[in-house]
Amino acid sequence: MKKQRIKEVIVVEGKHDREKILKCIDADIITSSGTHMSQEFLELCKKMHASRGLIVFTDPDGPGEMIRRRIIETVGTTKHASLHVIQTKKKQKVGIEHADCEDILEALAKAATFDIYNESMTWGEFIDCGLSGLPDSQLKRERLSEALHFPKSNAKTTFKYLNMMNIDVATCRTILKESNL
């Protein structure tokens, strides 16, 4: 069976992530080689994004989030694919290289465009929605991250993701209501 081809260039953290994705799909992939990205690497990301588009697909952990943020700051609006920690965990390690091809393909198919210049809700609306400061706020943020396919994150980062994805309070309330939260 012929593998699907992805038009955009995919950015991953390391060679094992690259190898795993290439087992699942036909794509051009560049690796950040961890959190210590050179200015040359970031310039390459800018060029690839301008010519073909970019999908940032990093591990659902601290270093993965750091890489994602740095690319957003440098490149601007890009697509992002993400997996939940449960989908990427093997023994005590977390990483894209441990995920099933089915989960990787689904994450790439649902890659979301994050627009860094958007504000679809205010911080006050975010708080009023119960996404920060309450005992169940973390659970609510996790439900939103699962439903909207962005990395599980703290309140401040979730607020940024929701705005970058142009998600408003009404959409958040609908998702949370469907999750019985």
Foldseek 3Di string as FASTA:
>chain_A
DAFAEDQAEEEEADDLLVVQQVVQHHYHYDHQVWQPRDPVNLVVLQVRCVPGFYEYEYWLDDRSVNNVVVSCVRNAKGWYFYDEQVQQDDDHDGTSSRHDSVNVVVRVVLTAIFGQPFQLDDVVLLVVLVCDDDPCNLVLQVLCCVVNRDRRDHSVVSNSRCRRRNHHSVNSNVSCVVVVD
